[in-house]
Amino acid sequence: MIKQTKEIGGYFGLDLTKSGDAFPTSIKFQSGRAALRAALEYAGIKRVMVPSYICDSVILAVIDAGAVVDTYVV
């Protein structure tokens, strides 16, 4: 795995309109990584291929979901 020296991405809050939640029955997650983990766990996916430059937090989400991570070079 390649160690990055500069962070890419980050956390961006969601600004909701004054009219309220546009999707009141949907499941909400605090981050894309949390949503990825939940989706992998729900689907029972056991192997995920990601590009070698992907950030460590995505890899950790996959591992936390119980899946094996394989990387490939783009």
C-alpha atoms as a PDB file:
ATOM      1  CA  MET A   1       0.000   0.000   0.000  1.00  0.00           C
ATOM      2  CA  ILE A   2       1.237   3.490  -0.860  1.00  0.00           C
ATOM      3  CA  LYS A   3       1.483   5.914   2.052  1.00  0.00           C
ATOM      4  CA  GLN A   4       0.028   9.311   1.190  1.00  0.00           C
ATOM      5  CA  THR A   5       1.633  12.454   2.532  1.00  0.00           C
ATOM      6  CA  LYS A   6      -1.331  14.758   1.879  1.00  0.00           C
ATOM      7  CA  GLU A   7      -4.936  14.132   2.863  1.00  0.00           C
ATOM      8  CA  ILE A   8      -7.453  13.905   0.037  1.00  0.00           C
ATOM      9  CA  GLY A   9     -11.136  14.422   0.746  1.00  0.00           C
ATOM     10  CA  GLY A  10     -12.538  15.098   4.156  1.00  0.00           C
ATOM     11  CA  TYR A  11     -15.756  15.589   6.053  1.00  0.00           C
ATOM     12  CA  PHE A  12     -18.395  17.937   4.727  1.00  0.00           C
ATOM     13  CA  GLY A  13     -21.566  18.644   6.679  1.00  0.00           C
ATOM     14  CA  LEU A  14     -24.972  18.428   5.049  1.00  0.00           C
ATOM     15  CA  ASP A  15     -26.943  21.643   4.980  1.00  0.00           C
ATOM     16  CA  LEU A  16     -30.629  20.784   5.121  1.00  0.00           C
ATOM     17  CA  THR A  17     -33.222  23.180   3.823  1.00  0.00           C
ATOM     18  CA  LYS A  18     -35.682  24.860   6.184  1.00  0.00           C
ATOM     19  CA  SER A  19     -38.426  22.669   4.732  1.00  0.00           C
ATOM     20  CA  GLY A  20     -36.942  19.661   6.525  1.00  0.00           C
ATOM     21  CA  ASP A  21     -35.789  16.251   5.448  1.00  0.00           C
ATOM     22  CA  ALA A  22     -36.374  15.511   1.757  1.00  0.00           C
ATOM     23  CA  PHE A  23     -36.155  11.755   2.430  1.00  0.00           C
ATOM     24  CA  PRO A  24     -37.725  11.130   5.854  1.00  0.00           C
ATOM     25  CA  THR A  25     -37.844   7.331   5.538  1.00  0.00           C
ATOM     26  CA  SER A  26     -34.267   6.879   4.335  1.00  0.00           C
ATOM     27  CA  ILE A  27     -31.400   5.539   6.435  1.00  0.00           C
ATOM     28  CA  LYS A  28     -28.874   8.227   7.315  1.00  0.00           C
ATOM     29  CA  PHE A  29     -25.141   7.721   7.837  1.00  0.00           C
ATOM     30  CA  GLN A  30     -22.577  10.108   9.266  1.00  0.00           C
ATOM     31  CA  SER A  31     -20.149   9.464   6.394  1.00  0.00           C
ATOM     32  CA  GLY A  32     -19.712   7.705   3.099  1.00  0.00           C
ATOM     33  CA  ARG A  33     -17.388   5.239   4.806  1.00  0.00           C
ATOM     34  CA  ALA A  34     -20.115   4.304   7.293  1.00  0.00           C
ATOM     35  CA  ALA A  35     -22.572   3.844   4.431  1.00  0.00           C
ATOM     36  CA  LEU A  36     -20.046   1.690   2.551  1.00  0.00           C
ATOM     37  CA  ARG A  37     -19.499  -0.529   5.585  1.00  0.00           C
ATOM     38  CA  ALA A  38     -23.243  -0.965   6.130  1.00  0.00           C
ATOM     39  CA  ALA A  39     -23.843  -1.788   2.462  1.00  0.00           C
ATOM     40  CA  LEU A  40     -21.056  -4.386   2.424  1.00  0.00           C
ATOM     41  CA  GLU A  41     -22.298  -5.994   5.633  1.00  0.00           C
ATOM     42  CA  TYR A  42     -25.926  -6.034   4.459  1.00  0.00           C
ATOM     43  CA  ALA A  43     -25.011  -7.547   1.081  1.00  0.00           C
ATOM     44  CA  GLY A  44     -22.613 -10.075   2.627  1.00  0.00           C
ATOM     45  CA  ILE A  45     -19.789  -9.052   0.301  1.00  0.00           C
ATOM     46  CA  LYS A  46     -16.537 -10.762   1.264  1.00  0.00           C
ATOM     47  CA  ARG A  47     -14.048  -9.360  -1.278  1.00  0.00           C
ATOM     48  CA  VAL A  48     -13.647  -5.801  -2.571  1.00  0.00           C
ATOM     49  CA  MET A  49     -11.240  -4.572  -5.235  1.00  0.00           C
ATOM     50  CA  VAL A  50     -10.141  -0.936  -4.947  1.00  0.00           C
ATOM     51  CA  PRO A  51      -7.510   1.136  -6.768  1.00  0.00           C
ATOM     52  CA  SER A  52      -4.158   1.241  -5.001  1.00  0.00           C
ATOM     53  CA  TYR A  53      -4.405   4.998  -4.426  1.00  0.00           C
ATOM     54  CA  ILE A  54      -7.612   4.773  -2.329  1.00  0.00           C
ATOM     55  CA  CYS A  55      -7.464   6.398   1.096  1.00  0.00           C
ATOM     56  CA  ASP A  56      -6.836   4.265   4.166  1.00  0.00           C
ATOM     57  CA  SER A  57     -10.208   5.078   5.713  1.00  0.00           C
ATOM     58  CA  VAL A  58     -12.033   3.354   2.841  1.00  0.00           C
ATOM     59  CA  ILE A  59      -9.815   0.290   3.222  1.00  0.00           C
ATOM     60  CA  LEU A  60     -10.531   0.235   6.960  1.00  0.00           C
ATOM     61  CA  ALA A  61     -14.285   0.448   6.298  1.00  0.00           C
ATOM     62  CA  VAL A  62     -14.047  -2.595   4.023  1.00  0.00           C
ATOM     63  CA  ILE A  63     -11.982  -4.529   6.588  1.00  0.00           C
ATOM     64  CA  ASP A  64     -14.370  -3.521   9.403  1.00  0.00           C
ATOM     65  CA  ALA A  65     -17.210  -4.931   7.287  1.00  0.00           C
ATOM     66  CA  GLY A  66     -15.430  -8.296   7.310  1.00  0.00           C
ATOM     67  CA  ALA A  67     -14.322  -8.224   3.688  1.00  0.00           C
ATOM     68  CA  VAL A  68     -10.898  -8.775   2.144  1.00  0.00           C
ATOM     69  CA  VAL A  69      -9.348  -5.862   0.274  1.00  0.00           C
ATOM     70  CA  ASP A  70      -7.523  -6.399  -3.016  1.00  0.00           C
ATOM     71  CA  THR A  71      -5.849  -3.456  -4.718  1.00  0.00           C
ATOM     72  CA  TYR A  72      -5.014  -2.873  -8.333  1.00  0.00           C
ATOM     73  CA  VAL A  73      -2.870  -0.313 -10.151  1.00  0.00           C
ATOM     74  CA  VAL A  74      -4.588   2.133 -12.469  1.00  0.00           C
END
